[in-house]
Amino acid sequence: MQPFPAFRKIAHTLLIVVAGTVFLGCHEAKPTAGTNSSNNPPPSSETHLFNAEAYQSLDGASGLTLISPDECELHAQSTILLCKYNRTPDALRVVTPTSHVIYFRFVEEGIQDNDGRILLSKKEYDQARTRELAVRVLEDLKIIDAASDRWAIVHNARTGDPIPVKELADFLVPGKPLSRSCKNGEALDSLGNPIIIKGADSLPNLSRRTFDHFSSIVPPSFWSPYTVDQN
């Protein structure tokens, strides 16, 4: 049976349309170099990549984090506020959700708020924490030095007499890391490296590993009167 004439006419028309579409597609003009084929404007050559920045207090209780080119998170204790900001050559202008404006001025350490409080940049924060740890290690040396002197007095020791490290624990605050390490037979500083105890009437020495750890942050004179172990 032959198809209805009307159906054959429709099929013939569709075939012509499809063939024409394929032909045009094969000969579609390609955009030349430097030509924008869409209606969107070309990207600006002045577009800058956003670099996240974070500032915080030394105790970590407060801080400011830039999370986009115009938004930041302002946090204090456990409260975090999503704020708007814009940057000027010498400050960050932050607008809180209640429209309160805070200026954070750029300083060497990071940024400083309206009340003079400083939030440290990541680099400064890391260095400050390292210096803080160095101060604790120096305090460890002083504590071991004083405990050694008290041990020498109690035991009527002579210069150079060896000091049993475990016995120093009796002259230290119980429960503290330094006291616990001495009870185990080795005085460890806050970095976990051994403090070298030379003997009665001799200053304890800083370990080479601890000295090297802090060498880029604190000068050798920082440890005076203590010196680094040469063995």
C-alpha atoms as a PDB file:
ATOM      1  CA  MET A   1       0.000   0.000   0.000  1.00  0.00           C
ATOM      2  CA  GLN A   2       1.401   3.440  -0.918  1.00  0.00           C
ATOM      3  CA  PRO A   3       1.573   6.167   1.796  1.00  0.00           C
ATOM      4  CA  PHE A   4      -0.990   8.901   1.714  1.00  0.00           C
ATOM      5  CA  PRO A   5       0.062  11.759  -0.592  1.00  0.00           C
ATOM      6  CA  ALA A   6      -0.139  14.286   2.273  1.00  0.00           C
ATOM      7  CA  PHE A   7       2.188  12.199   4.468  1.00  0.00           C
ATOM      8  CA  ARG A   8       4.725  11.869   1.640  1.00  0.00           C
ATOM      9  CA  LYS A   9       4.702  15.647   1.159  1.00  0.00           C
ATOM     10  CA  ILE A  10       5.374  16.293   4.890  1.00  0.00           C
ATOM     11  CA  ALA A  11       8.209  13.755   4.961  1.00  0.00           C
ATOM     12  CA  HIS A  12       9.785  15.324   1.898  1.00  0.00           C
ATOM     13  CA  THR A  13       9.631  18.799   3.477  1.00  0.00           C
ATOM     14  CA  LEU A  14      11.258  17.551   6.737  1.00  0.00           C
ATOM     15  CA  LEU A  15      14.053  15.932   4.744  1.00  0.00           C
ATOM     16  CA  ILE A  16      14.833  19.224   3.033  1.00  0.00           C
ATOM     17  CA  VAL A  17      14.887  21.110   6.376  1.00  0.00           C
ATOM     18  CA  VAL A  18      17.214  18.588   8.038  1.00  0.00           C
ATOM     19  CA  ALA A  19      19.589  18.566   5.076  1.00  0.00           C
ATOM     20  CA  GLY A  20      19.714  22.339   5.066  1.00  0.00           C
ATOM     21  CA  THR A  21      20.453  22.464   8.775  1.00  0.00           C
ATOM     22  CA  VAL A  22      23.338  19.997   8.416  1.00  0.00           C
ATOM     23  CA  PHE A  23      24.742  21.956   5.500  1.00  0.00           C
ATOM     24  CA  LEU A  24      24.643  25.252   7.389  1.00  0.00           C
ATOM     25  CA  GLY A  25      26.167  23.640  10.462  1.00  0.00           C
ATOM     26  CA  CYS A  26      29.105  22.363   8.468  1.00  0.00           C
ATOM     27  CA  HIS A  27      29.763  25.820   7.070  1.00  0.00           C
ATOM     28  CA  GLU A  28      29.180  27.871  10.210  1.00  0.00           C
ATOM     29  CA  ALA A  29      31.644  30.725  10.416  1.00  0.00           C
ATOM     30  CA  LYS A  30      34.132  30.371  13.268  1.00  0.00           C
ATOM     31  CA  PRO A  31      34.974  33.443  15.338  1.00  0.00           C
ATOM     32  CA  THR A  32      38.344  34.902  14.488  1.00  0.00           C
ATOM     33  CA  ALA A  33      41.001  35.422  17.120  1.00  0.00           C
ATOM     34  CA  GLY A  34      40.176  38.340  19.367  1.00  0.00           C
ATOM     35  CA  THR A  35      36.495  38.240  18.434  1.00  0.00           C
ATOM     36  CA  ASN A  36      33.953  37.652  21.206  1.00  0.00           C
ATOM     37  CA  SER A  37      31.333  35.255  19.794  1.00  0.00           C
ATOM     38  CA  SER A  38      28.824  35.974  22.572  1.00  0.00           C
ATOM     39  CA  ASN A  39      27.124  39.129  23.699  1.00  0.00           C
ATOM     40  CA  ASN A  40      29.116  39.129  26.933  1.00  0.00           C
ATOM     41  CA  PRO A  41      31.936  41.670  27.164  1.00  0.00           C
ATOM     42  CA  PRO A  42      35.487  40.261  27.185  1.00  0.00           C
ATOM     43  CA  PRO A  43      37.073  39.794  30.615  1.00  0.00           C
ATOM     44  CA  SER A  44      38.802  42.853  31.897  1.00  0.00           C
ATOM     45  CA  SER A  45      42.579  42.839  31.885  1.00  0.00           C
ATOM     46  CA  GLU A  46      42.386  44.468  35.327  1.00  0.00           C
ATOM     47  CA  THR A  47      40.708  41.456  36.981  1.00  0.00           C
ATOM     48  CA  HIS A  48      42.593  40.464  40.133  1.00  0.00           C
ATOM     49  CA  LEU A  49      42.568  37.083  41.831  1.00  0.00           C
ATOM     50  CA  PHE A  50      41.193  37.169  45.365  1.00  0.00           C
ATOM     51  CA  ASN A  51      43.639  36.100  48.046  1.00  0.00           C
ATOM     52  CA  ALA A  52      42.100  35.120  51.357  1.00  0.00           C
ATOM     53  CA  GLU A  53      43.658  36.830  54.356  1.00  0.00           C
ATOM     54  CA  ALA A  54      43.321  35.988  58.027  1.00  0.00           C
ATOM     55  CA  TYR A  55      44.222  38.003  61.107  1.00  0.00           C
ATOM     56  CA  GLN A  56      43.895  36.948  64.725  1.00  0.00           C
ATOM     57  CA  SER A  57      44.855  37.853  68.252  1.00  0.00           C
ATOM     58  CA  LEU A  58      47.716  35.957  69.879  1.00  0.00           C
ATOM     59  CA  ASP A  59      45.327  34.063  72.156  1.00  0.00           C
ATOM     60  CA  GLY A  60      43.077  33.190  69.196  1.00  0.00           C
ATOM     61  CA  ALA A  61      40.030  34.717  70.893  1.00  0.00           C
ATOM     62  CA  SER A  62      39.273  37.207  68.126  1.00  0.00           C
ATOM     63  CA  GLY A  63      40.048  37.602  64.459  1.00  0.00           C
ATOM     64  CA  LEU A  64      39.075  38.713  60.993  1.00  0.00           C
ATOM     65  CA  THR A  65      39.025  36.530  57.878  1.00  0.00           C
ATOM     66  CA  LEU A  66      38.476  37.835  54.347  1.00  0.00           C
ATOM     67  CA  ILE A  67      36.368  35.207  52.568  1.00  0.00           C
ATOM     68  CA  SER A  68      35.570  37.021  49.307  1.00  0.00           C
ATOM     69  CA  PRO A  69      36.436  40.314  47.596  1.00  0.00           C
ATOM     70  CA  ASP A  70      33.748  42.098  49.650  1.00  0.00           C
ATOM     71  CA  GLU A  71      32.784  39.792  52.542  1.00  0.00           C
ATOM     72  CA  CYS A  72      34.587  38.903  55.746  1.00  0.00           C
ATOM     73  CA  GLU A  73      33.998  37.009  58.966  1.00  0.00           C
ATOM     74  CA  LEU A  74      34.562  38.918  62.183  1.00  0.00           C
ATOM     75  CA  HIS A  75      34.793  36.643  65.194  1.00  0.00           C
ATOM     76  CA  ALA A  76      35.170  37.132  68.920  1.00  0.00           C
ATOM     77  CA  GLN A  77      35.088  34.169  71.298  1.00  0.00           C
ATOM     78  CA  SER A  78      32.396  31.887  69.805  1.00  0.00           C
ATOM     79  CA  THR A  79      30.497  34.595  67.897  1.00  0.00           C
ATOM     80  CA  ILE A  80      31.017  34.991  64.138  1.00  0.00           C
ATOM     81  CA  LEU A  81      29.565  37.904  62.169  1.00  0.00           C
ATOM     82  CA  LEU A  82      29.339  37.940  58.386  1.00  0.00           C
ATOM     83  CA  CYS A  83      30.280  41.497  57.388  1.00  0.00           C
ATOM     84  CA  LYS A  84      30.912  43.583  54.307  1.00  0.00           C
ATOM     85  CA  TYR A  85      34.223  45.330  53.769  1.00  0.00           C
ATOM     86  CA  ASN A  86      36.181  47.402  51.330  1.00  0.00           C
ATOM     87  CA  ARG A  87      39.893  48.070  51.160  1.00  0.00           C
ATOM     88  CA  THR A  88      41.632  51.421  51.128  1.00  0.00           C
ATOM     89  CA  PRO A  89      45.397  51.928  50.771  1.00  0.00           C
ATOM     90  CA  ASP A  90      45.869  52.062  54.547  1.00  0.00           C
ATOM     91  CA  ALA A  91      42.882  50.270  56.089  1.00  0.00           C
ATOM     92  CA  LEU A  92      40.029  47.793  55.874  1.00  0.00           C
ATOM     93  CA  ARG A  93      36.589  49.352  56.331  1.00  0.00           C
ATOM     94  CA  VAL A  94      34.293  46.717  57.833  1.00  0.00           C
ATOM     95  CA  VAL A  95      30.517  47.157  58.098  1.00  0.00           C
ATOM     96  CA  THR A  96      28.750  44.802  60.519  1.00  0.00           C
ATOM     97  CA  PRO A  97      25.180  43.496  60.015  1.00  0.00           C
ATOM     98  CA  THR A  98      23.984  46.293  62.317  1.00  0.00           C
ATOM     99  CA  SER A  99      25.707  48.884  60.070  1.00  0.00           C
ATOM    100  CA  HIS A 100      28.418  49.545  62.652  1.00  0.00           C
ATOM    101  CA  VAL A 101      31.630  50.595  60.903  1.00  0.00           C
ATOM    102  CA  ILE A 102      35.033  49.427  62.118  1.00  0.00           C
ATOM    103  CA  TYR A 103      38.294  50.577  60.588  1.00  0.00           C
ATOM    104  CA  PHE A 104      41.212  48.140  60.758  1.00  0.00           C
ATOM    105  CA  ARG A 105      44.365  50.037  59.886  1.00  0.00           C
ATOM    106  CA  PHE A 106      47.308  48.203  58.392  1.00  0.00           C
ATOM    107  CA  VAL A 107      50.292  48.027  60.735  1.00  0.00           C
ATOM    108  CA  GLU A 108      53.545  46.100  60.590  1.00  0.00           C
ATOM    109  CA  GLU A 109      52.174  43.222  62.659  1.00  0.00           C
ATOM    110  CA  GLY A 110      48.825  42.970  60.841  1.00  0.00           C
ATOM    111  CA  ILE A 111      45.795  45.214  61.413  1.00  0.00           C
ATOM    112  CA  GLN A 112      44.751  47.478  64.299  1.00  0.00           C
ATOM    113  CA  ASP A 113      41.131  48.273  65.232  1.00  0.00           C
ATOM    114  CA  ASN A 114      39.555  51.500  66.473  1.00  0.00           C
ATOM    115  CA  ASP A 115      40.547  50.748  70.084  1.00  0.00           C
ATOM    116  CA  GLY A 116      44.187  49.996  69.322  1.00  0.00           C
ATOM    117  CA  ARG A 117      43.903  46.210  69.520  1.00  0.00           C
ATOM    118  CA  ILE A 118      46.129  44.417  67.020  1.00  0.00           C
ATOM    119  CA  LEU A 119      45.182  41.322  65.053  1.00  0.00           C
ATOM    120  CA  LEU A 120      48.246  39.562  63.708  1.00  0.00           C
ATOM    121  CA  SER A 121      48.782  38.422  60.140  1.00  0.00           C
ATOM    122  CA  LYS A 122      49.415  34.697  59.709  1.00  0.00           C
ATOM    123  CA  LYS A 123      53.170  35.204  59.373  1.00  0.00           C
ATOM    124  CA  GLU A 124      53.347  37.442  62.446  1.00  0.00           C
ATOM    125  CA  TYR A 125      51.044  35.130  64.394  1.00  0.00           C
ATOM    126  CA  ASP A 126      53.228  32.098  63.667  1.00  0.00           C
ATOM    127  CA  GLN A 127      56.367  34.008  64.644  1.00  0.00           C
ATOM    128  CA  ALA A 128      54.749  35.323  67.834  1.00  0.00           C
ATOM    129  CA  ARG A 129      53.711  31.817  68.868  1.00  0.00           C
ATOM    130  CA  THR A 130      57.243  30.595  68.190  1.00  0.00           C
ATOM    131  CA  ARG A 131      58.704  33.401  70.319  1.00  0.00           C
ATOM    132  CA  GLU A 132      56.199  32.548  73.044  1.00  0.00           C
ATOM    133  CA  LEU A 133      57.395  28.938  72.973  1.00  0.00           C
ATOM    134  CA  ALA A 134      61.018  30.112  73.108  1.00  0.00           C
ATOM    135  CA  VAL A 135      60.216  32.071  76.280  1.00  0.00           C
ATOM    136  CA  ARG A 136      58.788  28.900  77.832  1.00  0.00           C
ATOM    137  CA  VAL A 137      61.935  26.954  76.944  1.00  0.00           C
ATOM    138  CA  LEU A 138      64.090  29.680  78.513  1.00  0.00           C
ATOM    139  CA  GLU A 139      61.931  29.406  81.638  1.00  0.00           C
ATOM    140  CA  ASP A 140      62.505  25.622  81.614  1.00  0.00           C
ATOM    141  CA  LEU A 141      66.263  26.231  81.707  1.00  0.00           C
ATOM    142  CA  LYS A 142      65.880  28.644  84.631  1.00  0.00           C
ATOM    143  CA  ILE A 143      63.732  26.160  86.554  1.00  0.00           C
ATOM    144  CA  ILE A 144      66.219  23.315  86.050  1.00  0.00           C
ATOM    145  CA  ASP A 145      69.078  25.663  86.998  1.00  0.00           C
ATOM    146  CA  ALA A 146      67.359  26.632  90.264  1.00  0.00           C
ATOM    147  CA  ALA A 147      66.424  23.014  91.043  1.00  0.00           C
ATOM    148  CA  SER A 148      70.036  21.955  90.488  1.00  0.00           C
ATOM    149  CA  ASP A 149      71.242  24.614  92.923  1.00  0.00           C
ATOM    150  CA  ARG A 150      68.789  23.478  95.566  1.00  0.00           C
ATOM    151  CA  TRP A 151      69.770  19.859  95.036  1.00  0.00           C
ATOM    152  CA  ALA A 152      73.457  20.784  95.449  1.00  0.00           C
ATOM    153  CA  ILE A 153      72.730  22.624  98.724  1.00  0.00           C
ATOM    154  CA  VAL A 154      70.668  19.787 100.178  1.00  0.00           C
ATOM    155  CA  HIS A 155      73.265  17.170  99.232  1.00  0.00           C
ATOM    156  CA  ASN A 156      76.295  19.339 100.101  1.00  0.00           C
ATOM    157  CA  ALA A 157      77.559  18.690  96.579  1.00  0.00           C
ATOM    158  CA  ARG A 158      80.877  19.858  95.232  1.00  0.00           C
ATOM    159  CA  THR A 159      81.416  21.546  91.889  1.00  0.00           C
ATOM    160  CA  GLY A 160      81.022  19.075  89.072  1.00  0.00           C
ATOM    161  CA  ASP A 161      79.269  16.379  91.107  1.00  0.00           C
ATOM    162  CA  PRO A 162      76.770  14.565  88.847  1.00  0.00           C
ATOM    163  CA  ILE A 163      73.129  15.324  89.506  1.00  0.00           C
ATOM    164  CA  PRO A 164      70.663  12.414  89.263  1.00  0.00           C
ATOM    165  CA  VAL A 165      67.912  13.840  87.067  1.00  0.00           C
ATOM    166  CA  LYS A 166      65.194  11.836  88.830  1.00  0.00           C
ATOM    167  CA  GLU A 167      66.071  13.555  92.114  1.00  0.00           C
ATOM    168  CA  LEU A 168      65.470  16.981  90.584  1.00  0.00           C
ATOM    169  CA  ALA A 169      61.762  16.145  90.439  1.00  0.00           C
ATOM    170  CA  ASP A 170      61.704  16.617  94.243  1.00  0.00           C
ATOM    171  CA  PHE A 171      62.509  20.305  93.707  1.00  0.00           C
ATOM    172  CA  LEU A 172      59.966  20.939  90.934  1.00  0.00           C
ATOM    173  CA  VAL A 173      56.250  21.654  90.952  1.00  0.00           C
ATOM    174  CA  PRO A 174      54.510  18.244  90.956  1.00  0.00           C
ATOM    175  CA  GLY A 175      52.419  17.361  87.940  1.00  0.00           C
ATOM    176  CA  LYS A 176      54.092  19.791  85.560  1.00  0.00           C
ATOM    177  CA  PRO A 177      55.585  18.398  82.312  1.00  0.00           C
ATOM    178  CA  LEU A 178      59.127  19.234  83.434  1.00  0.00           C
ATOM    179  CA  SER A 179      58.638  17.448  86.727  1.00  0.00           C
ATOM    180  CA  ARG A 180      57.134  14.383  85.048  1.00  0.00           C
ATOM    181  CA  SER A 181      59.985  14.118  82.548  1.00  0.00           C
ATOM    182  CA  CYS A 182      62.578  14.349  85.325  1.00  0.00           C
ATOM    183  CA  LYS A 183      60.836  11.535  87.182  1.00  0.00           C
ATOM    184  CA  ASN A 184      61.327   9.470  84.028  1.00  0.00           C
ATOM    185  CA  GLY A 185      65.053  10.237  84.114  1.00  0.00           C
ATOM    186  CA  GLU A 186      65.342  12.974  81.479  1.00  0.00           C
ATOM    187  CA  ALA A 187      64.628  16.711  81.750  1.00  0.00           C
ATOM    188  CA  LEU A 188      62.716  17.692  78.617  1.00  0.00           C
ATOM    189  CA  ASP A 189      62.074  21.276  77.567  1.00  0.00           C
ATOM    190  CA  SER A 190      58.738  22.563  76.242  1.00  0.00           C
ATOM    191  CA  LEU A 191      59.744  21.489  72.745  1.00  0.00           C
ATOM    192  CA  GLY A 192      60.339  17.935  73.946  1.00  0.00           C
ATOM    193  CA  ASN A 193      64.125  18.024  73.611  1.00  0.00           C
ATOM    194  CA  PRO A 194      66.513  17.167  76.462  1.00  0.00           C
ATOM    195  CA  ILE A 195      68.024  19.817  78.708  1.00  0.00           C
ATOM    196  CA  ILE A 196      71.653  18.893  79.250  1.00  0.00           C
ATOM    197  CA  ILE A 197      72.581  18.938  82.948  1.00  0.00           C
ATOM    198  CA  LYS A 198      76.356  19.186  83.397  1.00  0.00           C
ATOM    199  CA  GLY A 199      76.646  18.833  87.161  1.00  0.00           C
ATOM    200  CA  ALA A 200      76.608  20.811  90.407  1.00  0.00           C
ATOM    201  CA  ASP A 201      77.450  24.521  90.070  1.00  0.00           C
ATOM    202  CA  SER A 202      77.221  24.317  86.255  1.00  0.00           C
ATOM    203  CA  LEU A 203      74.590  25.924  84.071  1.00  0.00           C
ATOM    204  CA  PRO A 204      72.325  23.569  82.117  1.00  0.00           C
ATOM    205  CA  ASN A 205      72.736  23.613  78.356  1.00  0.00           C
ATOM    206  CA  LEU A 206      70.177  24.034  75.603  1.00  0.00           C
ATOM    207  CA  SER A 207      70.007  21.145  73.136  1.00  0.00           C
ATOM    208  CA  ARG A 208      71.269  21.797  69.615  1.00  0.00           C
ATOM    209  CA  ARG A 209      67.924  20.700  68.189  1.00  0.00           C
ATOM    210  CA  THR A 210      66.014  23.269  70.242  1.00  0.00           C
ATOM    211  CA  PHE A 211      68.524  25.997  69.417  1.00  0.00           C
ATOM    212  CA  ASP A 212      68.211  25.314  65.681  1.00  0.00           C
ATOM    213  CA  HIS A 213      64.412  25.298  65.883  1.00  0.00           C
ATOM    214  CA  PHE A 214      64.347  28.882  67.155  1.00  0.00           C
ATOM    215  CA  SER A 215      67.413  30.237  65.344  1.00  0.00           C
ATOM    216  CA  SER A 216      65.386  32.137  62.728  1.00  0.00           C
ATOM    217  CA  ILE A 217      63.212  33.823  65.359  1.00  0.00           C
ATOM    218  CA  VAL A 218      65.434  34.626  68.359  1.00  0.00           C
ATOM    219  CA  PRO A 219      69.149  35.575  68.423  1.00  0.00           C
ATOM    220  CA  PRO A 220      71.721  33.507  70.377  1.00  0.00           C
ATOM    221  CA  SER A 221      71.864  36.239  73.020  1.00  0.00           C
ATOM    222  CA  PHE A 222      68.232  35.482  73.862  1.00  0.00           C
ATOM    223  CA  TRP A 223      69.371  32.345  75.732  1.00  0.00           C
ATOM    224  CA  SER A 224      71.977  34.108  77.883  1.00  0.00           C
ATOM    225  CA  PRO A 225      73.431  33.078  80.299  1.00  0.00           C
ATOM    226  CA  TYR A 226      72.689  29.608  78.938  1.00  0.00           C
ATOM    227  CA  THR A 227      74.482  28.193  75.899  1.00  0.00           C
ATOM    228  CA  VAL A 228      73.851  25.464  73.389  1.00  0.00           C
ATOM    229  CA  ASP A 229      75.309  22.023  74.001  1.00  0.00           C
ATOM    230  CA  GLN A 230      78.343  21.374  71.789  1.00  0.00           C
ATOM    231  CA  ASN A 231      78.249  17.576  71.915  1.00  0.00           C
END
